[in-house]
Amino acid sequence: MDADGYVILPELLPAAGLAAARAHADALLQGVPWSDNDFDGRRTRRVYNLLADPGAFTPLLLHPAVRALVAERLGAEHQFGMLFLSAVDPGQGAQVPHFDAGVYPLPRDVEAEVNVIWALDDFTAANGATLVAPGSHRWPAGRRPDPSQLVPAEMPAGSALVYSGRLWHGAGHNRASAPRRALIAEHLLPWLRPADHHALALGAPGLRALPPELRVLAGLPAGGRYAGFVGGALPERWLAG
C-alpha cells in the first residue's frame, strides 16, 4: 500500500461464501439495464443501495482482513462512500482513468479514502481487470497516467483489491465472452460527505434492520464532536427512540 498505492488480498472467500455472493449478485442484476453514460460504461450494469439487502455481501463488507487494512489507513472511525455492484459485460471498453478521491477538494497528500474491489469472477487482462498505475497515489496534482503505466490487477475470484483513493485506475476492456462481476466498497473519513446517502436511502426502518457494524459504516454515528446530530441527540440514541 505504501509503495504502490494498492494491494491484492488473494482468495479471502471460502468456496461457499463466494458461491453465495455470486448468487446474490445475479439476483440483484436481474433485469438491470446498462448504464447511460460513458464513465460508468454503456455495456456495464450497476446496482446501488446494496445496504437495503446486503445478504451474502455482508461477510465481504465486514471481512476482518479488509477492515483491518482500511482502519490502518483511515483510522478506526470511517464510513462507506459509494457502494455498488458492477457487471462489466463483454465488449465494454476501458474506463477513463481517474482517482476516486478527486471528487474532494483536498491536497493530494491527504489519505481521505481507501476503497475495495471484491472480485466475484476471476480478474484477467482479457475480461477487463481493473487497470492501476502503481505508485500514482504519490503523484503531484495534475499528473495523469499514460497507457504504458496502467497494468491489470489480475486476481482470482474471491480476492480483494484494496487501494488508496488517490490511486489512478480504471476498469479495463472486457474482450472475453462473459461478464466480470465485482462488489465495490468505498471507505471515507467520517467527516466527508459520501457519494451515496445511505441513511436517507435506507430510512430509519432500514437502518434498524442492519447489523450494528453496518450501521456504523452506513454513516449513522456522528462524524465529529459537532457533526451529525439529530435533534441534538446522537444518531443511535435518536434511532433507538
Protein backbone atom coordinates (compact mmCIF):
# COMPACT_ATOMS: atom_id res chain seq x y z
CA MET A 1 0.00 0.00 0.00
CA ASP A 2 2.75 2.46 0.87
CA ALA A 3 4.85 1.84 -2.24
CA ASP A 4 2.24 1.02 -4.89
CA GLY A 5 -0.97 2.51 -3.55
CA TYR A 6 -2.78 -0.83 -3.65
CA VAL A 7 -2.55 -4.43 -2.51
CA ILE A 8 -4.29 -7.62 -3.58
CA LEU A 9 -5.50 -9.91 -0.78
CA PRO A 10 -5.89 -13.20 -2.63
CA GLU A 11 -8.72 -15.71 -2.25
CA LEU A 12 -10.15 -14.41 1.01
CA LEU A 13 -13.54 -16.05 0.48
CA PRO A 14 -14.23 -19.76 1.04
CA ALA A 15 -15.95 -21.56 -1.83
CA ALA A 16 -19.36 -21.45 -0.16
CA GLY A 17 -19.08 -17.73 0.58
CA LEU A 18 -18.07 -16.95 -2.99
CA ALA A 19 -20.93 -19.03 -4.40
CA ALA A 20 -23.42 -17.25 -2.13
CA ALA A 21 -22.08 -13.81 -3.11
CA ARG A 22 -22.31 -14.71 -6.80
CA ALA A 23 -25.89 -15.94 -6.43
CA HIS A 24 -26.84 -12.75 -4.59
CA ALA A 25 -25.17 -10.67 -7.31
CA ASP A 26 -27.04 -12.47 -10.07
CA ALA A 27 -30.36 -11.94 -8.29
CA LEU A 28 -29.69 -8.21 -7.90
CA LEU A 29 -28.51 -7.83 -11.52
CA GLN A 30 -31.61 -9.49 -12.95
CA GLY A 31 -33.24 -7.05 -15.38
CA VAL A 32 -30.79 -4.20 -14.66
CA PRO A 33 -30.06 -2.19 -17.83
CA TRP A 34 -26.69 -0.90 -18.96
CA SER A 35 -25.53 2.44 -17.62
CA ASP A 36 -26.48 5.53 -19.60
CA ASN A 37 -23.11 7.31 -19.64
CA ASP A 38 -19.59 6.71 -20.89
CA PHE A 39 -17.88 6.87 -17.49
CA ASP A 40 -19.98 4.18 -15.81
CA GLY A 41 -19.95 2.18 -19.05
CA ARG A 42 -22.63 1.75 -21.69
CA ARG A 43 -22.16 -2.04 -21.51
CA THR A 44 -21.85 -2.10 -17.73
CA ARG A 45 -24.63 -2.81 -15.25
CA ARG A 46 -24.57 -1.24 -11.78
CA VAL A 47 -26.72 -1.83 -8.71
CA TYR A 48 -26.74 0.71 -5.86
CA ASN A 49 -28.37 0.88 -2.40
CA LEU A 50 -26.91 -2.51 -1.52
CA LEU A 51 -27.44 -1.97 2.21
CA ALA A 52 -31.19 -2.35 1.62
CA ASP A 53 -30.47 -6.05 1.04
CA PRO A 54 -26.82 -6.84 1.88
CA GLY A 55 -27.49 -10.58 2.15
CA ALA A 56 -24.47 -12.66 1.17
CA PHE A 57 -22.39 -9.49 0.68
CA THR A 58 -22.30 -8.89 4.44
CA PRO A 59 -19.24 -11.13 5.06
CA LEU A 60 -17.38 -9.24 2.32
CA LEU A 61 -18.29 -5.80 3.63
CA LEU A 62 -17.21 -6.80 7.14
CA HIS A 63 -14.27 -9.07 6.30
CA PRO A 64 -11.76 -8.67 9.15
CA ALA A 65 -8.63 -8.63 6.96
CA VAL A 66 -10.03 -5.88 4.76
CA ARG A 67 -11.50 -3.93 7.67
CA ALA A 68 -8.14 -4.01 9.47
CA LEU A 69 -6.29 -2.66 6.44
CA VAL A 70 -8.83 0.12 5.87
CA ALA A 71 -8.70 1.09 9.56
CA GLU A 72 -4.91 1.15 9.43
CA ARG A 73 -5.07 3.74 6.65
CA LEU A 74 -8.06 5.84 7.73
CA GLY A 75 -8.37 5.21 11.46
CA ALA A 76 -10.97 3.22 13.34
CA GLU A 77 -13.75 5.70 12.56
CA HIS A 78 -14.74 5.76 8.90
CA GLN A 79 -17.79 5.24 6.71
CA PHE A 80 -18.88 3.84 3.38
CA GLY A 81 -18.71 6.14 0.39
CA MET A 82 -20.15 4.80 -2.84
CA LEU A 83 -21.21 1.16 -2.55
CA PHE A 84 -22.31 -0.77 -5.63
CA LEU A 85 -22.31 -4.00 -7.59
CA SER A 86 -20.84 -3.87 -11.07
CA ALA A 87 -21.06 -6.23 -14.04
CA VAL A 88 -18.73 -5.28 -16.90
CA ASP A 89 -20.23 -7.07 -19.89
CA PRO A 90 -18.38 -8.33 -22.99
CA GLY A 91 -17.49 -5.52 -25.35
CA GLN A 92 -17.27 -2.85 -22.68
CA GLY A 93 -14.29 -0.64 -23.41
CA ALA A 94 -11.76 0.64 -20.90
CA GLN A 95 -12.89 3.28 -18.44
CA VAL A 96 -11.33 6.73 -18.37
CA PRO A 97 -8.51 6.68 -15.77
CA HIS A 98 -9.34 8.58 -12.60
CA PHE A 99 -8.70 8.64 -8.87
CA ASP A 100 -11.72 8.32 -6.61
CA ALA A 101 -10.73 10.95 -4.05
CA GLY A 102 -10.57 13.51 -6.86
CA VAL A 103 -14.19 14.45 -6.08
CA TYR A 104 -12.99 16.11 -2.86
CA PRO A 105 -11.08 19.43 -2.86
CA LEU A 106 -8.27 18.08 -0.69
CA PRO A 107 -4.47 18.16 -1.07
CA ARG A 108 -3.05 15.14 -2.89
CA ASP A 109 -1.11 14.01 0.19
CA VAL A 110 -4.25 13.57 2.34
CA GLU A 111 -5.38 9.94 2.62
CA ALA A 112 -9.12 10.53 2.88
CA GLU A 113 -10.40 7.44 1.08
CA VAL A 114 -9.50 3.74 0.86
CA ASN A 115 -11.53 1.53 -1.43
CA VAL A 116 -12.08 -2.16 -2.06
CA ILE A 117 -12.94 -4.11 -5.19
CA TRP A 118 -14.10 -7.65 -4.46
CA ALA A 119 -13.63 -9.97 -7.45
CA LEU A 120 -16.72 -12.14 -7.89
CA ASP A 121 -15.14 -13.56 -11.05
CA ASP A 122 -11.50 -14.04 -11.93
CA PHE A 123 -10.00 -10.68 -12.90
CA THR A 124 -7.86 -11.11 -16.02
CA ALA A 125 -6.36 -8.83 -18.64
CA ALA A 126 -8.82 -10.35 -21.14
CA ASN A 127 -12.03 -9.68 -19.20
CA GLY A 128 -11.24 -6.12 -18.18
CA ALA A 129 -9.48 -6.41 -14.83
CA THR A 130 -9.12 -3.03 -13.15
CA LEU A 131 -6.13 -1.14 -14.55
CA VAL A 132 -3.92 0.53 -11.94
CA ALA A 133 -0.95 2.88 -12.13
CA PRO A 134 1.40 1.68 -9.36
CA GLY A 135 2.75 4.49 -7.25
CA SER A 136 0.39 7.08 -8.71
CA HIS A 137 -1.08 7.82 -5.27
CA ARG A 138 2.12 9.79 -4.66
CA TRP A 139 1.96 11.80 -7.88
CA PRO A 140 1.52 15.57 -7.70
CA ALA A 141 -1.73 17.24 -8.68
CA GLY A 142 -2.20 17.47 -12.43
CA ARG A 143 -0.11 14.43 -13.41
CA ARG A 144 -2.04 11.78 -15.32
CA PRO A 145 -1.01 8.25 -16.36
CA ASP A 146 -0.23 7.33 -19.93
CA PRO A 147 -1.39 3.90 -21.19
CA SER A 148 2.01 2.29 -20.63
CA GLN A 149 1.76 2.98 -16.88
CA LEU A 150 -1.53 1.13 -16.41
CA VAL A 151 -1.33 -2.56 -15.52
CA PRO A 152 -4.20 -5.04 -14.93
CA ALA A 153 -4.83 -6.01 -11.31
CA GLU A 154 -5.27 -9.70 -12.07
CA MET A 155 -6.62 -11.83 -9.23
CA PRO A 156 -8.70 -14.97 -8.70
CA ALA A 157 -12.36 -14.78 -7.75
CA GLY A 158 -12.86 -14.24 -4.03
CA SER A 159 -9.91 -11.85 -3.80
CA ALA A 160 -9.99 -8.20 -2.75
CA LEU A 161 -8.11 -5.28 -4.29
CA VAL A 162 -7.62 -2.63 -1.59
CA TYR A 163 -6.36 0.71 -2.89
CA SER A 164 -5.83 4.34 -1.98
CA GLY A 165 -8.44 6.83 -3.13
CA ARG A 166 -5.50 8.76 -4.63
CA LEU A 167 -4.51 5.89 -6.97
CA TRP A 168 -5.09 6.41 -10.68
CA HIS A 169 -7.06 3.47 -12.06
CA GLY A 170 -9.98 2.46 -14.30
CA ALA A 171 -11.90 -0.60 -15.40
CA GLY A 172 -10.29 -2.45 -18.29
CA HIS A 173 -11.66 -3.52 -21.66
CA ASN A 174 -13.68 -6.74 -21.47
CA ARG A 175 -12.63 -8.71 -24.54
CA ALA A 176 -13.86 -12.01 -23.08
CA SER A 177 -17.20 -13.74 -23.65
CA ALA A 178 -18.60 -13.42 -20.11
CA PRO A 179 -19.32 -10.56 -17.68
CA ARG A 180 -16.82 -9.57 -14.99
CA ARG A 181 -18.68 -9.01 -11.72
CA ALA A 182 -17.37 -7.06 -8.75
CA LEU A 183 -18.52 -5.55 -5.47
CA ILE A 184 -17.07 -2.08 -4.89
CA ALA A 185 -16.98 -0.51 -1.41
CA GLU A 186 -15.52 2.95 -0.87
CA HIS A 187 -14.43 3.99 2.63
CA LEU A 188 -14.10 7.62 3.74
CA LEU A 189 -13.06 9.69 6.70
CA PRO A 190 -16.15 10.23 8.88
CA TRP A 191 -16.42 13.97 8.26
CA LEU A 192 -16.60 13.75 4.47
CA ARG A 193 -19.91 13.67 2.63
CA PRO A 194 -20.20 10.29 0.86
CA ALA A 195 -21.29 9.89 -2.75
CA ASP A 196 -24.16 7.65 -1.59
CA HIS A 197 -26.55 8.98 1.07
CA HIS A 198 -27.01 5.63 2.78
CA ALA A 199 -29.05 6.82 5.75
CA LEU A 200 -31.59 8.60 3.55
CA ALA A 201 -31.81 5.67 1.12
CA LEU A 202 -32.47 3.22 3.95
CA GLY A 203 -34.64 5.33 6.22
CA ALA A 204 -34.99 4.60 9.94
CA PRO A 205 -36.52 1.11 9.45
CA GLY A 206 -33.74 0.08 7.09
CA LEU A 207 -31.05 1.35 9.44
CA ARG A 208 -32.57 -0.54 12.37
CA ALA A 209 -32.54 -3.76 10.31
CA LEU A 210 -28.79 -3.59 9.71
CA PRO A 211 -26.22 -5.26 11.95
CA PRO A 212 -24.59 -2.65 14.21
CA GLU A 213 -21.29 -2.83 12.29
CA LEU A 214 -23.04 -1.98 9.01
CA ARG A 215 -24.99 0.85 10.66
CA VAL A 216 -21.68 2.42 11.63
CA LEU A 217 -20.33 2.07 8.09
CA ALA A 218 -23.57 3.48 6.70
CA GLY A 219 -22.55 6.74 8.39
CA LEU A 220 -25.00 6.71 11.28
CA PRO A 221 -22.57 7.81 14.04
CA ALA A 222 -21.76 11.48 14.46
CA GLY A 223 -18.90 12.46 12.18
CA GLY A 224 -17.14 14.55 14.79
CA ARG A 225 -17.64 16.42 18.02
CA TYR A 226 -20.20 18.76 16.47
CA ALA A 227 -21.19 16.94 13.30
CA GLY A 228 -24.09 14.65 12.55
CA PHE A 229 -26.53 15.03 15.44
CA VAL A 230 -30.29 14.53 15.10
CA GLY A 231 -32.41 16.88 17.17
CA GLY A 232 -29.45 17.45 19.47
CA ALA A 233 -29.02 13.73 20.16
CA LEU A 234 -26.54 11.15 18.95
CA PRO A 235 -27.97 9.33 15.92
CA GLU A 236 -28.00 5.88 17.58
CA ARG A 237 -29.95 7.29 20.53
CA TRP A 238 -32.38 9.01 18.19
CA LEU A 239 -32.83 5.83 16.17
CA ALA A 240 -33.49 3.76 19.28
CA GLY A 241 -36.16 6.20 20.38
